[in-house]
PDB file of all heavy atoms in Angstrom:
ATOM      1  N   TRP A   1     281.309-154.633 194.384  1.00  0.00           N
ATOM      2  CA  TRP A   1     280.222-153.721 194.792  1.00  0.00           C
ATOM      3  C   TRP A   1     280.249-152.560 193.794  1.00  0.00           C
ATOM      4  O   TRP A   1     280.870-151.521 194.029  1.00  0.00           O
ATOM      5  CB  TRP A   1     280.481-153.248 196.214  1.00  0.00           C
ATOM      6  CG  TRP A   1     279.329-152.673 196.978  1.00  0.00           C
ATOM      7  CD1 TRP A   1     279.117-151.356 197.248  1.00  0.00           C
ATOM      8  CD2 TRP A   1     278.262-153.381 197.661  1.00  0.00           C
ATOM      9  NE1 TRP A   1     278.012-151.190 198.021  1.00  0.00           N
ATOM     10  CE2 TRP A   1     277.464-152.417 198.283  1.00  0.00           C
ATOM     11  CE3 TRP A   1     277.940-154.714 197.756  1.00  0.00           C
ATOM     12  CZ2 TRP A   1     276.333-152.755 199.046  1.00  0.00           C
ATOM     13  CZ3 TRP A   1     276.811-155.075 198.506  1.00  0.00           C
ATOM     14  CH2 TRP A   1     276.021-154.085 199.121  1.00  0.00           C
ATOM     15  N   ASP A   2     279.569-152.710 192.677  1.00  0.00           N
ATOM     16  CA  ASP A   2     279.651-151.752 191.577  1.00  0.00           C
ATOM     17  C   ASP A   2     278.628-150.639 191.828  1.00  0.00           C
ATOM     18  O   ASP A   2     277.493-150.679 191.337  1.00  0.00           O
ATOM     19  CB  ASP A   2     279.365-152.491 190.269  1.00  0.00           C
ATOM     20  CG  ASP A   2     279.511-151.596 189.045  1.00  0.00           C
ATOM     21  OD1 ASP A   2     279.865-150.424 189.207  1.00  0.00           O
ATOM     22  OD2 ASP A   2     279.238-152.073 187.919  1.00  0.00           O
ATOM     23  N   ASN A   3     279.070-149.630 192.535  1.00  0.00           N
ATOM     24  CA  ASN A   3     278.189-148.533 192.949  1.00  0.00           C
ATOM     25  C   ASN A   3     278.133-147.436 191.883  1.00  0.00           C
ATOM     26  O   ASN A   3     278.483-146.262 192.133  1.00  0.00           O
ATOM     27  CB  ASN A   3     278.643-147.971 194.297  1.00  0.00           C
ATOM     28  CG  ASN A   3     277.458-147.415 195.108  1.00  0.00           C
ATOM     29  OD1 ASN A   3     276.382-147.255 194.604  1.00  0.00           O
ATOM     30  ND2 ASN A   3     277.719-147.139 196.358  1.00  0.00           N
ATOM     31  N   ALA A   4     277.716-147.812 190.691  1.00  0.00           N
ATOM     32  CA  ALA A   4     277.796-146.934 189.531  1.00  0.00           C
ATOM     33  C   ALA A   4     276.827-145.760 189.625  1.00  0.00           C
ATOM     34  O   ALA A   4     277.086-144.683 189.033  1.00  0.00           O
ATOM     35  CB  ALA A   4     277.483-147.737 188.259  1.00  0.00           C
ATOM     36  N   TYR A   5     275.698-145.944 190.335  1.00  0.00           N
ATOM     37  CA  TYR A   5     274.629-144.912 190.336  1.00  0.00           C
ATOM     38  C   TYR A   5     274.433-144.298 191.704  1.00  0.00           C
ATOM     39  O   TYR A   5     273.313-143.998 192.109  1.00  0.00           O
ATOM     40  CB  TYR A   5     273.316-145.539 189.769  1.00  0.00           C
ATOM     41  CG  TYR A   5     273.546-146.244 188.489  1.00  0.00           C
ATOM     42  CD1 TYR A   5     273.420-147.638 188.386  1.00  0.00           C
ATOM     43  CD2 TYR A   5     273.947-145.561 187.350  1.00  0.00           C
ATOM     44  CE1 TYR A   5     273.654-148.301 187.206  1.00  0.00           C
ATOM     45  CE2 TYR A   5     274.191-146.214 186.173  1.00  0.00           C
ATOM     46  CZ  TYR A   5     274.050-147.586 186.091  1.00  0.00           C
ATOM     47  OH  TYR A   5     274.313-148.239 184.919  1.00  0.00           O
ATOM     48  N   ILE A   6     275.521-144.097 192.400  1.00  0.00           N
ATOM     49  CA  ILE A   6     275.510-143.700 193.797  1.00  0.00           C
ATOM     50  C   ILE A   6     274.782-142.400 194.042  1.00  0.00           C
ATOM     51  O   ILE A   6     274.119-142.217 195.082  1.00  0.00           O
ATOM     52  CB  ILE A   6     276.953-143.631 194.344  1.00  0.00           C
ATOM     53  CG1 ILE A   6     276.970-143.344 195.840  1.00  0.00           C
ATOM     54  CG2 ILE A   6     277.807-142.676 193.534  1.00  0.00           C
ATOM     55  CD1 ILE A   6     278.346-143.466 196.455  1.00  0.00           C
ATOM     56  N   ILE A   7     274.838-141.427 193.096  1.00  0.00           N
ATOM     57  CA  ILE A   7     274.133-140.122 193.305  1.00  0.00           C
ATOM     58  C   ILE A   7     273.232-139.836 192.091  1.00  0.00           C
ATOM     59  O   ILE A   7     272.926-138.663 191.822  1.00  0.00           O
ATOM     60  CB  ILE A   7     275.157-138.967 193.518  1.00  0.00           C
ATOM     61  CG1 ILE A   7     276.224-138.963 192.431  1.00  0.00           C
ATOM     62  CG2 ILE A   7     275.773-139.093 194.895  1.00  0.00           C
ATOM     63  CD1 ILE A   7     277.177-137.767 192.539  1.00  0.00           C
ATOM     64  N   HIS A   8     272.766-140.871 191.432  1.00  0.00           N
ATOM     65  CA  HIS A   8     271.952-140.677 190.231  1.00  0.00           C
ATOM     66  C   HIS A   8     270.468-140.760 190.567  1.00  0.00           C
ATOM     67  O   HIS A   8     269.721-141.605 190.058  1.00  0.00           O
ATOM     68  CB  HIS A   8     272.332-141.721 189.185  1.00  0.00           C
ATOM     69  CG  HIS A   8     273.762-141.610 188.716  1.00  0.00           C
ATOM     70  ND1 HIS A   8     274.849-141.788 189.577  1.00  0.00           N
ATOM     71  CD2 HIS A   8     274.288-141.312 187.500  1.00  0.00           C
ATOM     72  CE1 HIS A   8     275.950-141.624 188.865  1.00  0.00           C
ATOM     73  NE2 HIS A   8     275.650-141.334 187.626  1.00  0.00           N
ATOM     74  N   ASP A   9     270.035-139.837 191.413  1.00  0.00           N
ATOM     75  CA  ASP A   9     268.638-139.799 191.861  1.00  0.00           C
ATOM     76  C   ASP A   9     267.786-138.940 190.923  1.00  0.00           C
ATOM     77  O   ASP A   9     268.268-137.999 190.287  1.00  0.00           O
ATOM     78  CB  ASP A   9     268.543-139.218 193.274  1.00  0.00           C
ATOM     79  CG  ASP A   9     269.452-139.918 194.257  1.00  0.00           C
ATOM     80  OD1 ASP A   9     269.383-141.152 194.339  1.00  0.00           O
ATOM     81  OD2 ASP A   9     270.240-139.242 194.967  1.00  0.00           O
ATOM     82  N   PHE A  10     266.477-139.263 190.900  1.00  0.00           N
ATOM     83  CA  PHE A  10     265.533-138.503 190.072  1.00  0.00           C
ATOM     84  C   PHE A  10     264.796-137.436 190.886  1.00  0.00           C
ATOM     85  O   PHE A  10     263.987-136.699 190.339  1.00  0.00           O
ATOM     86  CB  PHE A  10     264.495-139.421 189.440  1.00  0.00           C
ATOM     87  CG  PHE A  10     265.093-140.299 188.355  1.00  0.00           C
ATOM     88  CD1 PHE A  10     264.421-141.452 187.955  1.00  0.00           C
ATOM     89  CD2 PHE A  10     266.261-139.987 187.724  1.00  0.00           C
ATOM     90  CE1 PHE A  10     264.917-142.258 186.950  1.00  0.00           C
ATOM     91  CE2 PHE A  10     266.808-140.794 186.721  1.00  0.00           C
ATOM     92  CZ  PHE A  10     266.121-141.950 186.348  1.00  0.00           C
ATOM     93  N   SER A  11     265.043-137.367 192.187  1.00  0.00           N
ATOM     94  CA  SER A  11     264.403-136.363 193.039  1.00  0.00           C
ATOM     95  C   SER A  11     265.238-136.199 194.299  1.00  0.00           C
ATOM     96  O   SER A  11     266.206-136.926 194.531  1.00  0.00           O
ATOM     97  CB  SER A  11     262.974-136.798 193.383  1.00  0.00           C
ATOM     98  OG  SER A  11     262.997-137.851 194.349  1.00  0.00           O
ATOM     99  N   ASP A  12     264.792-135.274 195.150  1.00  0.00           N
ATOM    100  CA  ASP A  12     265.465-135.095 196.439  1.00  0.00           C
ATOM    101  C   ASP A  12     265.184-136.226 197.382  1.00  0.00           C
ATOM    102  O   ASP A  12     265.816-136.322 198.450  1.00  0.00           O
ATOM    103  CB  ASP A  12     264.996-133.757 197.081  1.00  0.00           C
ATOM    104  CG  ASP A  12     265.466-132.539 196.304  1.00  0.00           C
ATOM    105  OD1 ASP A  12     266.559-132.630 195.667  1.00  0.00           O
ATOM    106  OD2 ASP A  12     264.787-131.514 196.346  1.00  0.00           O
ATOM    107  N   ARG A  13     264.241-137.077 197.024  1.00  0.00           N
ATOM    108  CA  ARG A  13     263.888-138.237 197.875  1.00  0.00           C
ATOM    109  C   ARG A  13     264.371-139.526 197.230  1.00  0.00           C
ATOM    110  O   ARG A  13     263.658-140.498 197.142  1.00  0.00           O
ATOM    111  CB  ARG A  13     262.378-138.251 198.082  1.00  0.00           C
ATOM    112  CG  ARG A  13     261.825-137.056 198.806  1.00  0.00           C
ATOM    113  CD  ARG A  13     260.335-137.114 198.993  1.00  0.00           C
ATOM    114  NE  ARG A  13     259.626-137.202 197.740  1.00  0.00           N
ATOM    115  CZ  ARG A  13     259.364-136.163 196.953  1.00  0.00           C
ATOM    116  NH1 ARG A  13     259.770-134.955 197.301  1.00  0.00           N
ATOM    117  NH2 ARG A  13     258.726-136.336 195.800  1.00  0.00           N
ATOM    118  N   GLY A  14     265.600-139.515 196.768  1.00  0.00           N
ATOM    119  CA  GLY A  14     266.169-140.706 196.177  1.00  0.00           C
ATOM    120  C   GLY A  14     266.411-141.809 197.218  1.00  0.00           C
ATOM    121  O   GLY A  14     266.283-141.596 198.413  1.00  0.00           O
ATOM    122  N   ASP A  15     266.702-142.975 196.723  1.00  0.00           N
ATOM    123  CA  ASP A  15     266.914-144.121 197.611  1.00  0.00           C
ATOM    124  C   ASP A  15     268.181-143.933 198.446  1.00  0.00           C
ATOM    125  O   ASP A  15     269.178-143.340 197.989  1.00  0.00           O
ATOM    126  CB  ASP A  15     267.065-145.437 196.802  1.00  0.00           C
ATOM    127  CG  ASP A  15     265.796-145.796 196.048  1.00  0.00           C
ATOM    128  OD1 ASP A  15     264.746-145.172 196.311  1.00  0.00           O
ATOM    129  OD2 ASP A  15     265.860-146.746 195.245  1.00  0.00           O
ATOM    130  N   ASN A  16     268.183-144.478 199.660  1.00  0.00           N
ATOM    131  CA  ASN A  16     269.349-144.468 200.542  1.00  0.00           C
ATOM    132  C   ASN A  16     269.959-145.868 200.529  1.00  0.00           C
ATOM    133  O   ASN A  16     269.251-146.856 200.718  1.00  0.00           O
ATOM    134  CB  ASN A  16     268.970-144.061 201.965  1.00  0.00           C
ATOM    135  CG  ASN A  16     268.570-142.614 202.051  1.00  0.00           C
ATOM    136  OD1 ASN A  16     269.196-141.746 201.469  1.00  0.00           O
ATOM    137  ND2 ASN A  16     267.494-142.334 202.767  1.00  0.00           N
ATOM    138  N   LEU A  17     271.250-145.942 200.359  1.00  0.00           N
ATOM    139  CA  LEU A  17     272.000-147.190 200.408  1.00  0.00           C
ATOM    140  C   LEU A  17     272.872-147.201 201.632  1.00  0.00           C
ATOM    141  O   LEU A  17     273.699-146.325 201.813  1.00  0.00           O
ATOM    142  CB  LEU A  17     272.854-147.364 199.142  1.00  0.00           C
ATOM    143  CG  LEU A  17     273.741-148.609 199.107  1.00  0.00           C
ATOM    144  CD1 LEU A  17     272.900-149.878 199.056  1.00  0.00           C
ATOM    145  CD2 LEU A  17     274.706-148.540 197.918  1.00  0.00           C
ATOM    146  N   TYR A  18     272.672-148.214 202.480  1.00  0.00           N
ATOM    147  CA  TYR A  18     273.484-148.330 203.703  1.00  0.00           C
ATOM    148  C   TYR A  18     274.942-148.550 203.332  1.00  0.00           C
ATOM    149  O   TYR A  18     275.242-149.299 202.372  1.00  0.00           O
ATOM    150  CB  TYR A  18     272.962-149.491 204.553  1.00  0.00           C
ATOM    151  CG  TYR A  18     273.540-149.518 205.960  1.00  0.00           C
ATOM    152  CD1 TYR A  18     272.980-148.742 206.964  1.00  0.00           C
ATOM    153  CD2 TYR A  18     274.617-150.353 206.277  1.00  0.00           C
ATOM    154  CE1 TYR A  18     273.505-148.749 208.263  1.00  0.00           C
ATOM    155  CE2 TYR A  18     275.126-150.397 207.566  1.00  0.00           C
ATOM    156  CZ  TYR A  18     274.575-149.594 208.541  1.00  0.00           C
ATOM    157  OH  TYR A  18     275.093-149.625 209.804  1.00  0.00           O
ATOM    158  N   ASN A  19     275.864-147.918 204.017  1.00  0.00           N
ATOM    159  CA  ASN A  19     277.288-147.989 203.723  1.00  0.00           C
ATOM    160  C   ASN A  19     277.802-149.416 203.990  1.00  0.00           C
ATOM    161  O   ASN A  19     277.812-149.867 205.103  1.00  0.00           O
ATOM    162  CB  ASN A  19     278.062-146.982 204.593  1.00  0.00           C
ATOM    163  CG  ASN A  19     279.535-146.893 204.211  1.00  0.00           C
ATOM    164  OD1 ASN A  19     280.147-147.836 203.719  1.00  0.00           O
ATOM    165  ND2 ASN A  19     280.126-145.713 204.414  1.00  0.00           N
ATOM    166  N   ILE A  20     278.232-150.088 202.939  1.00  0.00           N
ATOM    167  CA  ILE A  20     278.667-151.486 203.042  1.00  0.00           C
ATOM    168  C   ILE A  20     279.868-151.605 203.975  1.00  0.00           C
ATOM    169  O   ILE A  20     279.960-152.603 204.738  1.00  0.00           O
ATOM    170  CB  ILE A  20     278.985-152.080 201.660  1.00  0.00           C
ATOM    171  CG1 ILE A  20     279.324-153.561 201.778  1.00  0.00           C
ATOM    172  CG2 ILE A  20     280.077-151.301 200.952  1.00  0.00           C
ATOM    173  CD1 ILE A  20     278.223-154.438 202.319  1.00  0.00           C
ATOM    174  N   PHE A  21     280.777-150.650 203.997  1.00  0.00           N
ATOM    175  CA  PHE A  21     281.957-150.778 204.834  1.00  0.00           C
ATOM    176  C   PHE A  21     281.626-150.604 206.318  1.00  0.00           C
ATOM    177  O   PHE A  21     282.249-151.227 207.175  1.00  0.00           O
ATOM    178  CB  PHE A  21     283.040-149.775 204.389  1.00  0.00           C
ATOM    179  CG  PHE A  21     283.667-150.165 203.100  1.00  0.00           C
ATOM    180  CD1 PHE A  21     283.403-149.498 201.917  1.00  0.00           C
ATOM    181  CD2 PHE A  21     284.539-151.249 203.039  1.00  0.00           C
ATOM    182  CE1 PHE A  21     283.972-149.866 200.731  1.00  0.00           C
ATOM    183  CE2 PHE A  21     285.115-151.643 201.833  1.00  0.00           C
ATOM    184  CZ  PHE A  21     284.834-150.937 200.687  1.00  0.00           C
ATOM    185  N   ASP A  22     280.619-149.788 206.639  1.00  0.00           N
ATOM    186  CA  ASP A  22     280.141-149.700 208.013  1.00  0.00           C
ATOM    187  C   ASP A  22     279.586-151.053 208.457  1.00  0.00           C
ATOM    188  O   ASP A  22     279.819-151.524 209.571  1.00  0.00           O
ATOM    189  CB  ASP A  22     279.063-148.633 208.170  1.00  0.00           C
ATOM    190  CG  ASP A  22     279.604-147.212 208.087  1.00  0.00           C
ATOM    191  OD1 ASP A  22     280.860-147.055 208.193  1.00  0.00           O
ATOM    192  OD2 ASP A  22     278.826-146.292 207.927  1.00  0.00           O
ATOM    193  N   ALA A  23     278.863-151.708 207.544  1.00  0.00           N
ATOM    194  CA  ALA A  23     278.288-153.009 207.847  1.00  0.00           C
ATOM    195  C   ALA A  23     279.366-154.064 207.979  1.00  0.00           C
ATOM    196  O   ALA A  23     279.316-154.911 208.896  1.00  0.00           O
ATOM    197  CB  ALA A  23     277.260-153.400 206.782  1.00  0.00           C
ATOM    198  N   LEU A  24     280.356-154.043 207.096  1.00  0.00           N
ATOM    199  CA  LEU A  24     281.430-155.039 207.152  1.00  0.00           C
ATOM    200  C   LEU A  24     282.185-155.007 208.472  1.00  0.00           C
ATOM    201  O   LEU A  24     282.571-156.040 209.014  1.00  0.00           O
ATOM    202  CB  LEU A  24     282.388-154.812 205.988  1.00  0.00           C
ATOM    203  CG  LEU A  24     281.853-155.113 204.587  1.00  0.00           C
ATOM    204  CD1 LEU A  24     282.782-154.551 203.512  1.00  0.00           C
ATOM    205  CD2 LEU A  24     281.673-156.618 204.380  1.00  0.00           C
ATOM    206  N   LYS A  25     282.380-153.807 209.014  1.00  0.00           N
ATOM    207  CA  LYS A  25     283.098-153.667 210.279  1.00  0.00           C
ATOM    208  C   LYS A  25     282.347-154.357 211.426  1.00  0.00           C
ATOM    209  O   LYS A  25     282.973-154.845 212.391  1.00  0.00           O
ATOM    210  CB  LYS A  25     283.312-152.186 210.601  1.00  0.00           C
ATOM    211  CG  LYS A  25     284.296-151.495 209.686  1.00  0.00           C
ATOM    212  CD  LYS A  25     284.368-149.986 209.957  1.00  0.00           C
ATOM    213  CE  LYS A  25     285.260-149.276 208.954  1.00  0.00           C
ATOM    214  NZ  LYS A  25     285.227-147.819 209.159  1.00  0.00           N
ATOM    215  N   LEU A  26     281.036-154.390 211.322  1.00  0.00           N
ATOM    216  CA  LEU A  26     280.231-155.004 212.377  1.00  0.00           C
ATOM    217  C   LEU A  26     280.510-156.486 212.509  1.00  0.00           C
ATOM    218  O   LEU A  26     280.341-157.093 213.576  1.00  0.00           O
ATOM    219  CB  LEU A  26     278.737-154.780 212.108  1.00  0.00           C
ATOM    220  CG  LEU A  26     278.212-153.334 212.085  1.00  0.00           C
ATOM    221  CD1 LEU A  26     276.755-153.337 211.646  1.00  0.00           C
ATOM    222  CD2 LEU A  26     278.386-152.703 213.469  1.00  0.00           C
ATOM    223  N   TYR A  27     280.943-157.084 211.385  1.00  0.00           N
ATOM    224  CA  TYR A  27     281.107-158.550 211.325  1.00  0.00           C
ATOM    225  C   TYR A  27     282.535-158.978 211.059  1.00  0.00           C
ATOM    226  O   TYR A  27     282.796-160.164 210.828  1.00  0.00           O
ATOM    227  CB  TYR A  27     280.179-159.133 210.269  1.00  0.00           C
ATOM    228  CG  TYR A  27     278.735-158.732 210.481  1.00  0.00           C
ATOM    229  CD1 TYR A  27     278.134-157.729 209.706  1.00  0.00           C
ATOM    230  CD2 TYR A  27     277.943-159.341 211.468  1.00  0.00           C
ATOM    231  CE1 TYR A  27     276.828-157.357 209.910  1.00  0.00           C
ATOM    232  CE2 TYR A  27     276.638-158.973 211.666  1.00  0.00           C
ATOM    233  CZ  TYR A  27     276.092-157.992 210.871  1.00  0.00           C
ATOM    234  OH  TYR A  27     274.782-157.603 211.082  1.00  0.00           O
ATOM    235  N   GLY A  28     283.506-158.038 211.093  1.00  0.00           N
ATOM    236  CA  GLY A  28     284.907-158.361 210.868  1.00  0.00           C
ATOM    237  C   GLY A  28     285.176-158.881 209.486  1.00  0.00           C
ATOM    238  O   GLY A  28     286.092-159.684 209.242  1.00  0.00           O
ATOM    239  N   ASN A  29     284.421-158.342 208.483  1.00  0.00           N
ATOM    240  CA  ASN A  29     284.552-158.810 207.096  1.00  0.00           C
ATOM    241  C   ASN A  29     285.033-157.730 206.149  1.00  0.00           C
ATOM    242  O   ASN A  29     284.702-157.693 204.973  1.00  0.00           O
ATOM    243  CB  ASN A  29     283.167-159.308 206.594  1.00  0.00           C
ATOM    244  CG  ASN A  29     282.917-160.750 206.946  1.00  0.00           C
ATOM    245  OD1 ASN A  29     283.836-161.507 207.237  1.00  0.00           O
ATOM    246  ND2 ASN A  29     281.656-161.146 206.942  1.00  0.00           N
ATOM    247  N   GLU A  30     285.873-156.827 206.636  1.00  0.00           N
ATOM    248  CA  GLU A  30     286.284-155.667 205.844  1.00  0.00           C
ATOM    249  C   GLU A  30     286.919-156.048 204.520  1.00  0.00           C
ATOM    250  O   GLU A  30     286.863-155.270 203.563  1.00  0.00           O
ATOM    251  CB  GLU A  30     287.286-154.792 206.674  1.00  0.00           C
ATOM    252  CG  GLU A  30     286.646-154.063 207.842  1.00  0.00           C
ATOM    253  CD  GLU A  30     286.789-154.847 209.125  1.00  0.00           C
ATOM    254  OE1 GLU A  30     286.896-156.107 209.068  1.00  0.00           O
ATOM    255  OE2 GLU A  30     286.775-154.222 210.208  1.00  0.00           O
ATOM    256  N   ASP A  31     287.570-157.209 204.443  1.00  0.00           N
ATOM    257  CA  ASP A  31     288.283-157.587 203.217  1.00  0.00           C
ATOM    258  C   ASP A  31     287.384-158.165 202.137  1.00  0.00           C
ATOM    259  O   ASP A  31     287.828-158.452 201.035  1.00  0.00           O
ATOM    260  CB  ASP A  31     289.361-158.634 203.547  1.00  0.00           C
ATOM    261  CG  ASP A  31     290.450-158.073 204.476  1.00  0.00           C
ATOM    262  OD1 ASP A  31     290.622-156.827 204.479  1.00  0.00           O
ATOM    263  OD2 ASP A  31     291.110-158.876 205.159  1.00  0.00           O
ATOM    264  N   MET A  32     286.095-158.374 202.437  1.00  0.00           N
ATOM    265  CA  MET A  32     285.236-159.138 201.535  1.00  0.00           C
ATOM    266  C   MET A  32     284.699-158.339 200.343  1.00  0.00           C
ATOM    267  O   MET A  32     284.271-158.900 199.331  1.00  0.00           O
ATOM    268  CB  MET A  32     284.033-159.688 202.329  1.00  0.00           C
ATOM    269  CG  MET A  32     283.253-160.762 201.596  1.00  0.00           C
ATOM    270  SD  MET A  32     282.112-161.651 202.697  1.00  0.00           S
ATOM    271  CE  MET A  32     280.926-160.330 203.128  1.00  0.00           C
ATOM    272  N   VAL A  33     284.757-157.006 200.411  1.00  0.00           N
ATOM    273  CA  VAL A  33     284.140-156.166 199.371  1.00  0.00           C
ATOM    274  C   VAL A  33     285.141-155.212 198.755  1.00  0.00           C
ATOM    275  O   VAL A  33     285.963-154.603 199.449  1.00  0.00           O
ATOM    276  CB  VAL A  33     282.972-155.355 199.978  1.00  0.00           C
ATOM    277  CG1 VAL A  33     282.466-154.288 198.984  1.00  0.00           C
ATOM    278  CG2 VAL A  33     281.838-156.271 200.379  1.00  0.00           C
ATOM    279  N   ILE A  34     285.091-155.119 197.434  1.00  0.00           N
ATOM    280  CA  ILE A  34     285.802-154.089 196.688  1.00  0.00           C
ATOM    281  C   ILE A  34     284.727-153.231 196.039  1.00  0.00           C
ATOM    282  O   ILE A  34     283.938-153.709 195.232  1.00  0.00           O
ATOM    283  CB  ILE A  34     286.736-154.659 195.583  1.00  0.00           C
ATOM    284  CG1 ILE A  34     287.552-155.850 196.111  1.00  0.00           C
ATOM    285  CG2 ILE A  34     287.611-153.568 194.992  1.00  0.00           C
ATOM    286  CD1 ILE A  34     288.599-155.462 197.138  1.00  0.00           C
ATOM    287  N   GLU A  35     284.707-151.940 196.366  1.00  0.00           N
ATOM    288  CA  GLU A  35     283.655-151.023 195.850  1.00  0.00           C
ATOM    289  C   GLU A  35     284.244-150.201 194.697  1.00  0.00           C
ATOM    290  O   GLU A  35     285.369-149.694 194.776  1.00  0.00           O
ATOM    291  CB  GLU A  35     283.178-150.104 196.964  1.00  0.00           C
ATOM    292  CG  GLU A  35     282.039-149.190 196.523  1.00  0.00           C
ATOM    293  CD  GLU A  35     281.409-148.419 197.673  1.00  0.00           C
ATOM    294  OE1 GLU A  35     282.034-148.321 198.734  1.00  0.00           O
ATOM    295  OE2 GLU A  35     280.286-147.885 197.496  1.00  0.00           O
ATOM    296  N   PHE A  36     283.451-150.026 193.677  1.00  0.00           N
ATOM    297  CA  PHE A  36     283.849-149.262 192.495  1.00  0.00           C
ATOM    298  C   PHE A  36     282.800-148.183 192.195  1.00  0.00           C
ATOM    299  O   PHE A  36     281.603-148.368 192.398  1.00  0.00           O
ATOM    300  CB  PHE A  36     283.976-150.189 191.276  1.00  0.00           C
ATOM    301  CG  PHE A  36     285.048-151.222 191.386  1.00  0.00           C
ATOM    302  CD1 PHE A  36     284.791-152.418 192.017  1.00  0.00           C
ATOM    303  CD2 PHE A  36     286.325-150.981 190.875  1.00  0.00           C
ATOM    304  CE1 PHE A  36     285.788-153.397 192.140  1.00  0.00           C
ATOM    305  CE2 PHE A  36     287.318-151.932 190.988  1.00  0.00           C
ATOM    306  CZ  PHE A  36     287.068-153.148 191.618  1.00  0.00           C
ATOM    307  N   THR A  37     283.283-147.084 191.646  1.00  0.00           N
ATOM    308  CA  THR A  37     282.375-146.042 191.152  1.00  0.00           C
ATOM    309  C   THR A  37     283.151-145.198 190.147  1.00  0.00           C
ATOM    310  O   THR A  37     284.353-145.371 189.958  1.00  0.00           O
ATOM    311  CB  THR A  37     281.810-145.169 192.278  1.00  0.00           C
ATOM    312  OG1 THR A  37     280.685-144.436 191.821  1.00  0.00           O
ATOM    313  CG2 THR A  37     282.864-144.213 192.846  1.00  0.00           C
ATOM    314  N   SER A  38     282.448-144.278 189.496  1.00  0.00           N
ATOM    315  CA  SER A  38     283.124-143.424 188.523  1.00  0.00           C
ATOM    316  C   SER A  38     282.231-142.195 188.243  1.00  0.00           C
ATOM    317  O   SER A  38     281.103-142.123 188.674  1.00  0.00           O
ATOM    318  CB  SER A  38     283.387-144.153 187.226  1.00  0.00           C
ATOM    319  OG  SER A  38     282.202-144.278 186.430  1.00  0.00           O
ATOM    320  N   THR A  39     282.790-141.271 187.464  1.00  0.00           N
ATOM    321  CA  THR A  39     282.033-140.112 187.022  1.00  0.00           C
ATOM    322  C   THR A  39     281.523-140.306 185.610  1.00  0.00           C
ATOM    323  O   THR A  39     281.114-139.352 184.947  1.00  0.00           O
ATOM    324  CB  THR A  39     282.878-138.815 187.051  1.00  0.00           C
ATOM    325  OG1 THR A  39     283.897-138.906 186.039  1.00  0.00           O
ATOM    326  CG2 THR A  39     283.551-138.587 188.409  1.00  0.00           C
ATOM    327  N   SER A  40     281.512-141.551 185.129  1.00  0.00           N
ATOM    328  CA  SER A  40     281.187-141.810 183.700  1.00  0.00           C
ATOM    329  C   SER A  40     279.841-141.231 183.287  1.00  0.00           C
ATOM    330  O   SER A  40     279.663-140.840 182.150  1.00  0.00           O
ATOM    331  CB  SER A  40     281.214-143.313 183.429  1.00  0.00           C
ATOM    332  OG  SER A  40     282.550-143.768 183.410  1.00  0.00           O
ATOM    333  N   LYS A  41     278.873-141.237 184.190  1.00  0.00           N
ATOM    334  CA  LYS A  41     277.556-140.661 183.861  1.00  0.00           C
ATOM    335  C   LYS A  41     277.306-139.382 184.670  1.00  0.00           C
ATOM    336  O   LYS A  41     276.176-138.963 184.910  1.00  0.00           O
ATOM    337  CB  LYS A  41     276.467-141.704 184.074  1.00  0.00           C
ATOM    338  CG  LYS A  41     276.545-142.864 183.088  1.00  0.00           C
ATOM    339  CD  LYS A  41     275.468-143.873 183.326  1.00  0.00           C
ATOM    340  CE  LYS A  41     275.460-144.944 182.248  1.00  0.00           C
ATOM    341  NZ  LYS A  41     276.652-145.816 182.290  1.00  0.00           N
ATOM    342  N   ILE A  42     278.414-138.773 185.106  1.00  0.00           N
ATOM    343  CA  ILE A  42     278.376-137.472 185.775  1.00  0.00           C
ATOM    344  C   ILE A  42     279.055-136.434 184.894  1.00  0.00           C
ATOM    345  O   ILE A  42     278.520-135.361 184.624  1.00  0.00           O
ATOM    346  CB  ILE A  42     279.054-137.547 187.147  1.00  0.00           C
ATOM    347  CG1 ILE A  42     278.340-138.547 188.076  1.00  0.00           C
ATOM    348  CG2 ILE A  42     279.092-136.158 187.821  1.00  0.00           C
ATOM    349  CD1 ILE A  42     279.048-138.805 189.380  1.00  0.00           C
ATOM    350  N   SER A  43     280.255-136.763 184.425  1.00  0.00           N
ATOM    351  CA  SER A  43     280.986-135.869 183.513  1.00  0.00           C
ATOM    352  C   SER A  43     280.944-136.440 182.096  1.00  0.00           C
ATOM    353  O   SER A  43     279.894-136.430 181.482  1.00  0.00           O
ATOM    354  CB  SER A  43     282.420-135.675 184.018  1.00  0.00           C
ATOM    355  OG  SER A  43     283.132-136.905 184.109  1.00  0.00           O
ATOM    356  N   PHE A  44     282.063-136.961 181.618  1.00  0.00           N
ATOM    357  CA  PHE A  44     282.090-137.536 180.263  1.00  0.00           C
ATOM    358  C   PHE A  44     282.411-139.033 180.368  1.00  0.00           C
ATOM    359  O   PHE A  44     283.427-139.416 180.929  1.00  0.00           O
ATOM    360  CB  PHE A  44     283.209-136.868 179.415  1.00  0.00           C
ATOM    361  CG  PHE A  44     283.050-135.383 179.261  1.00  0.00           C
ATOM    362  CD1 PHE A  44     284.116-134.550 179.430  1.00  0.00           C
ATOM    363  CD2 PHE A  44     281.817-134.836 178.929  1.00  0.00           C
ATOM    364  CE1 PHE A  44     283.971-133.175 179.266  1.00  0.00           C
ATOM    365  CE2 PHE A  44     281.651-133.487 178.788  1.00  0.00           C
ATOM    366  CZ  PHE A  44     282.745-132.626 178.931  1.00  0.00           C
TER     367      PHE A  44
END
């Protein structure tokens, strides 16, 4: 789950992404996803 652009919105009305881990808990699938992110396009 490569969440590279998690806060890279062009306005205050950016897209909302439902929290995958909240969803996984609903179905007992917590182990199925590894989520990644970084500051690569936030800092340097």
